[in-house]
N, C-alpha and C. Protein backbone atom coordinates (compact mmCIF):
# COMPACT_ATOMS: atom_id res chain seq x y z
N MET A 1 -14.50 -13.75 -12.47
CA MET A 1 -15.64 -13.83 -11.61
C MET A 1 -15.93 -12.44 -11.06
N THR A 2 -17.18 -12.05 -11.01
CA THR A 2 -17.58 -10.76 -10.46
C THR A 2 -18.80 -10.94 -9.65
N ASP A 3 -18.78 -10.45 -8.40
CA ASP A 3 -19.94 -10.50 -7.52
C ASP A 3 -20.07 -9.14 -6.88
N VAL A 4 -21.31 -8.73 -6.65
CA VAL A 4 -21.63 -7.50 -5.91
C VAL A 4 -22.17 -7.95 -4.57
N ILE A 5 -21.50 -7.44 -3.53
CA ILE A 5 -21.91 -7.88 -2.19
C ILE A 5 -21.85 -6.64 -1.24
N ASN A 6 -22.97 -6.28 -0.61
CA ASN A 6 -23.01 -5.30 0.40
C ASN A 6 -22.43 -3.95 -0.05
N GLY A 7 -22.59 -3.55 -1.31
CA GLY A 7 -22.12 -2.26 -1.80
C GLY A 7 -20.71 -2.32 -2.36
N TYR A 8 -20.15 -3.51 -2.47
CA TYR A 8 -18.74 -3.65 -3.01
C TYR A 8 -18.82 -4.59 -4.20
N ILE A 9 -17.86 -4.45 -5.13
CA ILE A 9 -17.65 -5.30 -6.27
C ILE A 9 -16.44 -6.15 -5.96
N VAL A 10 -16.62 -7.45 -5.99
CA VAL A 10 -15.43 -8.40 -5.83
C VAL A 10 -15.22 -8.99 -7.22
N SER A 11 -14.04 -8.72 -7.75
CA SER A 11 -13.69 -9.13 -9.11
C SER A 11 -12.41 -9.90 -9.09
N THR A 12 -12.46 -11.13 -9.70
CA THR A 12 -11.27 -11.98 -9.82
C THR A 12 -11.02 -12.25 -11.31
N VAL A 13 -9.77 -11.99 -11.75
CA VAL A 13 -9.37 -12.23 -13.11
C VAL A 13 -8.10 -13.04 -13.11
N GLY A 14 -7.78 -13.58 -14.30
CA GLY A 14 -6.54 -14.37 -14.43
C GLY A 14 -6.48 -15.18 -15.68
N ASP A 15 -5.46 -16.11 -15.77
CA ASP A 15 -5.27 -16.95 -16.89
C ASP A 15 -5.08 -16.08 -18.15
N TYR A 16 -4.25 -15.05 -18.04
CA TYR A 16 -4.06 -14.08 -19.12
C TYR A 16 -3.14 -14.72 -20.16
N ARG A 17 -3.62 -14.80 -21.38
CA ARG A 17 -2.90 -15.29 -22.49
C ARG A 17 -3.04 -14.33 -23.67
N PRO A 18 -2.15 -13.40 -23.81
CA PRO A 18 -2.27 -12.43 -24.93
C PRO A 18 -2.13 -13.14 -26.23
N PRO A 19 -2.58 -12.49 -27.37
CA PRO A 19 -2.44 -13.10 -28.68
C PRO A 19 -1.06 -13.56 -28.96
N GLY A 20 -0.92 -14.77 -29.41
CA GLY A 20 0.44 -15.31 -29.76
C GLY A 20 1.15 -15.97 -28.62
N ALA A 21 0.71 -15.80 -27.40
CA ALA A 21 1.35 -16.45 -26.20
C ALA A 21 0.94 -17.85 -26.16
N THR A 22 1.85 -18.72 -25.75
CA THR A 22 1.56 -20.17 -25.63
C THR A 22 1.40 -20.55 -24.17
N THR A 23 1.74 -19.61 -23.27
CA THR A 23 1.55 -19.86 -21.77
C THR A 23 0.90 -18.68 -21.16
N MET A 24 0.40 -18.92 -19.94
CA MET A 24 -0.14 -17.80 -19.12
C MET A 24 0.94 -16.75 -18.86
N GLN A 25 0.53 -15.51 -18.89
CA GLN A 25 1.42 -14.43 -18.53
C GLN A 25 1.01 -13.82 -17.23
N PRO A 26 2.00 -13.37 -16.43
CA PRO A 26 1.62 -12.73 -15.17
C PRO A 26 0.76 -11.47 -15.37
N ILE A 27 -0.18 -11.25 -14.45
CA ILE A 27 -0.99 -10.06 -14.50
C ILE A 27 -0.63 -9.05 -13.43
N GLY A 28 0.27 -9.46 -12.61
CA GLY A 28 0.75 -8.60 -11.53
C GLY A 28 2.12 -9.08 -11.09
N PHE A 29 2.61 -8.54 -10.03
CA PHE A 29 3.94 -8.95 -9.56
C PHE A 29 3.95 -10.38 -9.07
N ARG A 30 4.43 -11.26 -9.91
CA ARG A 30 4.59 -12.69 -9.59
C ARG A 30 3.31 -13.42 -9.30
N HIS A 31 2.23 -13.00 -9.95
CA HIS A 31 0.97 -13.81 -9.80
C HIS A 31 0.23 -13.85 -11.15
N PHE A 32 -0.57 -14.91 -11.33
CA PHE A 32 -1.32 -15.15 -12.52
C PHE A 32 -2.83 -14.89 -12.40
N TYR A 33 -3.27 -14.65 -11.16
CA TYR A 33 -4.68 -14.38 -10.90
C TYR A 33 -4.66 -13.29 -9.81
N GLU A 34 -5.76 -12.51 -9.77
CA GLU A 34 -5.88 -11.54 -8.69
C GLU A 34 -7.35 -11.19 -8.45
N THR A 35 -7.64 -10.91 -7.23
CA THR A 35 -8.98 -10.40 -6.76
C THR A 35 -8.78 -8.96 -6.33
N MET A 36 -9.69 -8.11 -6.81
CA MET A 36 -9.74 -6.74 -6.40
C MET A 36 -11.13 -6.40 -5.93
N VAL A 37 -11.24 -5.57 -4.88
CA VAL A 37 -12.52 -5.14 -4.34
C VAL A 37 -12.64 -3.61 -4.56
N PHE A 38 -13.77 -3.25 -5.08
CA PHE A 38 -14.08 -1.78 -5.40
C PHE A 38 -15.42 -1.46 -4.76
N VAL A 39 -15.60 -0.18 -4.54
CA VAL A 39 -16.94 0.33 -4.16
C VAL A 39 -17.85 0.31 -5.40
N ASP A 40 -19.00 -0.24 -5.21
CA ASP A 40 -19.97 -0.30 -6.32
C ASP A 40 -20.63 1.06 -6.53
N SER A 41 -20.58 1.54 -7.78
CA SER A 41 -21.08 2.91 -8.08
C SER A 41 -22.56 2.82 -8.21
N GLY A 42 -23.17 1.66 -8.31
CA GLY A 42 -24.59 1.44 -8.57
C GLY A 42 -24.98 1.52 -10.01
N LYS A 43 -23.99 1.90 -10.88
CA LYS A 43 -24.19 1.93 -12.34
C LYS A 43 -23.78 0.60 -12.93
N ARG A 44 -24.33 0.35 -14.13
CA ARG A 44 -24.03 -0.91 -14.83
C ARG A 44 -23.63 -0.57 -16.28
N CYS A 45 -22.81 -1.44 -16.87
CA CYS A 45 -22.34 -1.19 -18.24
C CYS A 45 -23.47 -1.22 -19.25
N VAL A 46 -23.50 -0.17 -20.05
CA VAL A 46 -24.53 -0.05 -21.09
C VAL A 46 -23.86 0.36 -22.40
N GLU A 47 -22.56 0.20 -22.51
CA GLU A 47 -21.83 0.55 -23.77
C GLU A 47 -22.43 -0.21 -24.92
N PRO A 48 -22.76 0.46 -26.00
CA PRO A 48 -23.38 -0.23 -27.15
C PRO A 48 -22.56 -1.43 -27.65
N ALA A 49 -21.25 -1.41 -27.62
CA ALA A 49 -20.48 -2.49 -28.13
C ALA A 49 -20.48 -3.67 -27.16
N CYS A 50 -20.88 -3.46 -25.92
CA CYS A 50 -20.76 -4.49 -24.94
C CYS A 50 -22.11 -4.86 -24.29
N GLU A 51 -22.70 -3.89 -23.64
CA GLU A 51 -23.99 -4.04 -22.89
C GLU A 51 -23.98 -5.30 -22.03
N CYS A 52 -22.87 -5.56 -21.36
CA CYS A 52 -22.70 -6.76 -20.52
C CYS A 52 -23.50 -6.62 -19.22
N GLY A 53 -23.82 -5.43 -18.80
CA GLY A 53 -24.52 -5.22 -17.53
C GLY A 53 -23.65 -5.35 -16.30
N LEU A 54 -22.30 -5.52 -16.44
CA LEU A 54 -21.46 -5.62 -15.30
C LEU A 54 -21.44 -4.39 -14.53
N PRO A 55 -21.24 -4.51 -13.18
CA PRO A 55 -21.18 -3.31 -12.35
C PRO A 55 -19.95 -2.42 -12.64
N LEU A 56 -20.16 -1.15 -12.45
CA LEU A 56 -19.09 -0.15 -12.67
C LEU A 56 -18.66 0.37 -11.32
N HIS A 57 -17.34 0.71 -11.25
CA HIS A 57 -16.84 1.22 -10.01
C HIS A 57 -16.08 2.56 -10.24
N ASN A 58 -15.55 3.15 -9.21
CA ASN A 58 -14.92 4.45 -9.30
C ASN A 58 -13.43 4.33 -9.74
N GLY A 59 -12.89 3.14 -9.94
CA GLY A 59 -11.57 2.96 -10.41
C GLY A 59 -10.50 2.78 -9.32
N ARG A 60 -10.89 2.98 -8.08
CA ARG A 60 -9.99 2.81 -6.96
C ARG A 60 -10.30 1.55 -6.17
N ASP A 61 -9.32 0.71 -6.03
CA ASP A 61 -9.56 -0.54 -5.27
C ASP A 61 -9.45 -0.29 -3.75
N VAL A 62 -10.20 -1.09 -3.00
CA VAL A 62 -10.11 -1.00 -1.55
C VAL A 62 -9.56 -2.25 -0.94
N ASP A 63 -9.32 -3.27 -1.74
CA ASP A 63 -8.69 -4.52 -1.24
C ASP A 63 -8.14 -5.26 -2.47
N PHE A 64 -7.14 -6.15 -2.17
CA PHE A 64 -6.50 -6.83 -3.26
C PHE A 64 -5.82 -8.12 -2.72
N ALA A 65 -5.77 -9.13 -3.56
CA ALA A 65 -4.97 -10.34 -3.23
C ALA A 65 -4.57 -11.00 -4.58
N GLY A 66 -3.34 -11.49 -4.63
CA GLY A 66 -2.83 -12.17 -5.84
C GLY A 66 -2.60 -13.62 -5.58
N TYR A 67 -2.73 -14.47 -6.64
CA TYR A 67 -2.63 -15.89 -6.52
C TYR A 67 -1.85 -16.52 -7.67
N GLN A 68 -1.38 -17.74 -7.48
CA GLN A 68 -0.66 -18.44 -8.51
C GLN A 68 -1.55 -19.36 -9.32
N THR A 69 -2.60 -19.99 -8.70
CA THR A 69 -3.40 -20.98 -9.38
C THR A 69 -4.90 -20.57 -9.42
N ALA A 70 -5.62 -21.21 -10.28
CA ALA A 70 -7.07 -20.98 -10.42
C ALA A 70 -7.76 -21.40 -9.12
N ALA A 71 -7.33 -22.46 -8.50
CA ALA A 71 -7.97 -22.96 -7.27
C ALA A 71 -7.76 -21.95 -6.15
N GLU A 72 -6.54 -21.39 -6.03
CA GLU A 72 -6.25 -20.35 -5.07
C GLU A 72 -7.09 -19.14 -5.31
N ALA A 73 -7.27 -18.79 -6.60
CA ALA A 73 -8.09 -17.59 -6.91
C ALA A 73 -9.54 -17.82 -6.55
N ALA A 74 -10.08 -18.95 -6.86
CA ALA A 74 -11.47 -19.28 -6.50
C ALA A 74 -11.67 -19.18 -4.97
N ALA A 75 -10.76 -19.76 -4.23
CA ALA A 75 -10.83 -19.72 -2.77
C ALA A 75 -10.66 -18.31 -2.23
N GLY A 76 -9.79 -17.56 -2.84
CA GLY A 76 -9.58 -16.19 -2.43
C GLY A 76 -10.74 -15.28 -2.72
N HIS A 77 -11.44 -15.54 -3.85
CA HIS A 77 -12.63 -14.78 -4.22
C HIS A 77 -13.71 -15.07 -3.18
N ALA A 78 -13.86 -16.33 -2.80
CA ALA A 78 -14.87 -16.69 -1.83
C ALA A 78 -14.56 -16.05 -0.41
N ARG A 79 -13.30 -15.96 -0.08
CA ARG A 79 -12.90 -15.32 1.21
C ARG A 79 -13.25 -13.84 1.19
N MET A 80 -13.00 -13.19 0.05
CA MET A 80 -13.37 -11.78 -0.10
C MET A 80 -14.84 -11.53 0.05
N ILE A 81 -15.64 -12.39 -0.61
CA ILE A 81 -17.07 -12.22 -0.52
C ILE A 81 -17.49 -12.39 0.99
N LYS A 82 -16.93 -13.36 1.62
CA LYS A 82 -17.30 -13.57 3.02
C LYS A 82 -16.89 -12.36 3.87
N ALA A 83 -15.73 -11.86 3.66
CA ALA A 83 -15.19 -10.69 4.41
C ALA A 83 -16.07 -9.48 4.22
N TYR A 84 -16.50 -9.23 2.98
CA TYR A 84 -17.28 -7.99 2.70
C TYR A 84 -18.74 -8.11 3.01
N ARG A 85 -19.17 -9.29 3.36
CA ARG A 85 -20.56 -9.42 3.86
C ARG A 85 -20.72 -8.74 5.20
N VAL A 86 -19.62 -8.67 5.94
CA VAL A 86 -19.71 -8.11 7.32
C VAL A 86 -19.13 -6.71 7.39
N VAL A 87 -18.56 -6.14 6.30
CA VAL A 87 -18.06 -4.78 6.33
C VAL A 87 -19.18 -3.82 6.08
N ALA A 88 -19.17 -2.69 6.81
CA ALA A 88 -20.25 -1.71 6.62
C ALA A 88 -20.28 -1.23 5.21
N ARG A 89 -21.50 -1.01 4.74
CA ARG A 89 -21.68 -0.49 3.37
C ARG A 89 -20.96 0.86 3.29
N PRO A 90 -20.30 1.07 2.10
CA PRO A 90 -19.58 2.32 1.92
C PRO A 90 -20.61 3.50 1.89
N SER A 91 -20.18 4.68 2.30
CA SER A 91 -21.10 5.85 2.26
C SER A 91 -20.75 6.69 1.16
C-alpha cells in the first residue's frame, strides 16, 4: 500500500516470498510487514520498464513500524496516515 498525505509517502509492504520459498520470509527484525514514512519528493516514477507513477522519495525514512500480520499492517498503515494528516508539511 502506498499513500501520499500532506507531503509524506506512507508505504506498507510485506508477505515477502522469494522465488522457491514456501513460506513468508521476514523483511525486518522479527516482522513480516512494515510501514515506512518518507518525505515526498514531488517526483513520480517514469522509468521506461515500469512507468508505475508511484511517488519517489529521498531514501531516508522519517517513521517506521513493523508488524506480524496483514491485519496489523493494514491497521498500522491507517494509523500512520492519520498521524501524518496533522504533521506540518516538510520544508
